[in-house]
Amino acid sequence: MKVWILLPAFNEEKSIPLLFPKIKKTFAEWDQAYRIVVVEDGSLDSTIEVLNKMKPEYPLDIVMHRINRGLGETERDGFEHVAQCAKEDDIVVRLDCDDTHEPEYTLSLINKIKEGYDVVNTSRFQPGGGQKGVGPYRAFISNAANLFMKIVFGIPGVSDYSCGYRAYRVKIIKDAIRIFGNGFIQIKGLGFTATLETIVKLKLLGCRFAEVPFVLRYDKKASPSKMVTSITTLGYFTMALLYHWPWGGWRSQYKLMAKAYRQSPEEAYRRFGRENIQRSMVCQIGG
């Protein structure tokens, strides 16, 4: 079993030299095979030069965007690369590239996956979790957003919806991409919305979720924040509308998919794959 480390990167020339040695040290201590996949999202600094210098020392794949496309398309292309290259029994762990996500938590994520869960989330809200270096205003916004998402989407086993530090079974990612196609990550132009959409789509597939406690080290952040709160907030409301839209929203279009997927992935694909189903207009927006 190999662990694939997925890193979206935009202007991370300072962060990568800090993060990569910690990844290498962590996996060497566990004697665990790994590979790093960086999706370089049209950085304006020296990120690509730094990555190319790292290649001889690290097992590294670089997926290039010549121009900046945003987190949605970056995550989509990263998951598609892993789905194409990895084996079904591998695990993919998605981290932020800005050195705020400590690689040491990957062990607890992987162990939880081995217990039988499909997706394991890091959570600031589990006992033992928290965050450092986050100001009162940003903490309030984050707490309010997570409360909103919990009410609107209600994913069992998830309390931290906006943290992208997660582990996934590669088989689940392969199946989701096959069924949803380009619509696996459908809302691509609205900030960090993709972080939420990924687990909402996997909820529709019937995945089992769990969480492990995690401390966000925002005090170690080595690059400027890329989040525009207003755009991401608009994305959350847009997703809520698309999910609950009574005339062919995601929840109604795919309401029987989890049952079909429990029977077999082939049954789910036969009944709900984008080539096999007449999708509503809402389910065609963006992908």
Foldseek 3Di string as FASTA:
>chain_A
DEEEEEEEDAQQLPQQVVQVVLLVVLCVVVVGHYAYEYEYFQHPDCVVVSVVVCVVPGRYDYHYDNHHQADLVSVVVRLVVCLVPDDQQYKYWYAYRQPQFRPNCVVVQVVVVVVPFFKEAEDQPPVVHHEPPDDPVRVVLQQVVLVVCCVLQVDPADRRQQHQGMMGRSNLSNLLCQALPQLCRQPRPQFSLSSNSNVSSSVLLVGGYHYDYYYGYPVSGPDDDPGDPVSNVVSVVLLSCQQVVPPQRPCVLSVCLNVQVVVHSVSSNCDRGPVRDDHDPSSPHRD
